[in-house]
Amino acid sequence: MLVHDRRSALPDVARLADIDDRATLETAVDCEFSFAHRIDGSWMIAASTLPWRVGTTV
């Protein structure tokens, strides 16, 4: 498992739906949880909260 925390703290709102601008919303969901399998000495991402990471190696 690979996890990267947000670069900034969450805004002080009750729900993500309460965020009214795109930049703040993108910052709020800027984190990663990825699951990888070891294949031929490399770790290949099998599932991720960032879909473009699936199939890449770490």
C-alpha atoms as a PDB file:
ATOM      1  CA  MET A   1       0.000   0.000   0.000  1.00  0.00           C
ATOM      2  CA  LEU A   2       1.225   3.478  -0.907  1.00  0.00           C
ATOM      3  CA  VAL A   3      -0.320   6.500   0.794  1.00  0.00           C
ATOM      4  CA  HIS A   4       0.398  10.200   0.228  1.00  0.00           C
ATOM      5  CA  ASP A   5      -1.205  12.764   2.516  1.00  0.00           C
ATOM      6  CA  ARG A   6      -2.685  16.039   1.332  1.00  0.00           C
ATOM      7  CA  ARG A   7      -0.215  18.860   0.751  1.00  0.00           C
ATOM      8  CA  SER A   8      -2.529  21.261   2.615  1.00  0.00           C
ATOM      9  CA  ALA A   9      -4.902  20.943   5.546  1.00  0.00           C
ATOM     10  CA  LEU A  10      -8.573  20.313   4.876  1.00  0.00           C
ATOM     11  CA  PRO A  11     -10.700  23.445   4.745  1.00  0.00           C
ATOM     12  CA  ASP A  12     -12.956  24.065   7.744  1.00  0.00           C
ATOM     13  CA  VAL A  13     -16.253  22.876   6.228  1.00  0.00           C
ATOM     14  CA  ALA A  14     -18.712  20.194   7.257  1.00  0.00           C
ATOM     15  CA  ARG A  15     -18.888  18.531   3.817  1.00  0.00           C
ATOM     16  CA  LEU A  16     -16.915  18.622   0.571  1.00  0.00           C
ATOM     17  CA  ALA A  17     -20.135  19.769  -1.106  1.00  0.00           C
ATOM     18  CA  ASP A  18     -19.851  22.974   0.960  1.00  0.00           C
ATOM     19  CA  ILE A  19     -16.651  23.987  -0.848  1.00  0.00           C
ATOM     20  CA  ASP A  20     -17.571  26.592  -3.432  1.00  0.00           C
ATOM     21  CA  ASP A  21     -14.428  26.917  -5.548  1.00  0.00           C
ATOM     22  CA  ARG A  22     -12.639  24.313  -7.650  1.00  0.00           C
ATOM     23  CA  ALA A  23      -9.083  25.069  -6.461  1.00  0.00           C
ATOM     24  CA  THR A  24     -10.028  24.502  -2.815  1.00  0.00           C
ATOM     25  CA  LEU A  25     -11.938  21.331  -3.715  1.00  0.00           C
ATOM     26  CA  GLU A  26      -8.952  19.944  -5.641  1.00  0.00           C
ATOM     27  CA  THR A  27      -6.715  20.671  -2.648  1.00  0.00           C
ATOM     28  CA  ALA A  28      -9.158  18.887  -0.329  1.00  0.00           C
ATOM     29  CA  VAL A  29      -9.104  15.662  -2.346  1.00  0.00           C
ATOM     30  CA  ASP A  30      -5.358  15.807  -3.122  1.00  0.00           C
ATOM     31  CA  CYS A  31      -4.314  12.535  -1.504  1.00  0.00           C
ATOM     32  CA  GLU A  32      -3.515   9.049  -2.741  1.00  0.00           C
ATOM     33  CA  PHE A  33      -4.206   5.494  -1.667  1.00  0.00           C
ATOM     34  CA  SER A  34      -2.724   2.903  -4.012  1.00  0.00           C
ATOM     35  CA  PHE A  35      -2.386  -0.871  -3.807  1.00  0.00           C
ATOM     36  CA  ALA A  36       0.460  -2.554  -5.661  1.00  0.00           C
ATOM     37  CA  HIS A  37       1.635  -6.092  -6.435  1.00  0.00           C
ATOM     38  CA  ARG A  38       5.274  -7.105  -6.716  1.00  0.00           C
ATOM     39  CA  ILE A  39       5.974  -8.319 -10.265  1.00  0.00           C
ATOM     40  CA  ASP A  40       9.494  -9.211 -11.438  1.00  0.00           C
ATOM     41  CA  GLY A  41      11.154  -7.050  -8.795  1.00  0.00           C
ATOM     42  CA  SER A  42       8.935  -3.985  -9.345  1.00  0.00           C
ATOM     43  CA  TRP A  43       5.759  -2.839  -7.650  1.00  0.00           C
ATOM     44  CA  MET A  44       2.871  -2.364 -10.109  1.00  0.00           C
ATOM     45  CA  ILE A  45      -0.133  -0.355  -8.950  1.00  0.00           C
ATOM     46  CA  ALA A  46      -3.298  -2.448  -9.230  1.00  0.00           C
ATOM     47  CA  ALA A  47      -5.828  -0.022  -7.706  1.00  0.00           C
ATOM     48  CA  SER A  48      -5.634   3.644  -6.777  1.00  0.00           C
ATOM     49  CA  THR A  49      -7.682   6.687  -5.886  1.00  0.00           C
ATOM     50  CA  LEU A  50      -5.750   8.261  -8.785  1.00  0.00           C
ATOM     51  CA  PRO A  51      -6.917   6.201 -11.787  1.00  0.00           C
ATOM     52  CA  TRP A  52      -4.020   7.295 -14.028  1.00  0.00           C
ATOM     53  CA  ARG A  53      -1.588   5.544 -11.617  1.00  0.00           C
ATOM     54  CA  VAL A  54      -3.100   2.070 -12.246  1.00  0.00           C
ATOM     55  CA  GLY A  55      -0.677  -0.053 -14.257  1.00  0.00           C
ATOM     56  CA  THR A  56       2.358   2.109 -13.431  1.00  0.00           C
ATOM     57  CA  THR A  57       5.286   0.970 -11.323  1.00  0.00           C
ATOM     58  CA  VAL A  58       6.697   2.477  -8.175  1.00  0.00           C
END
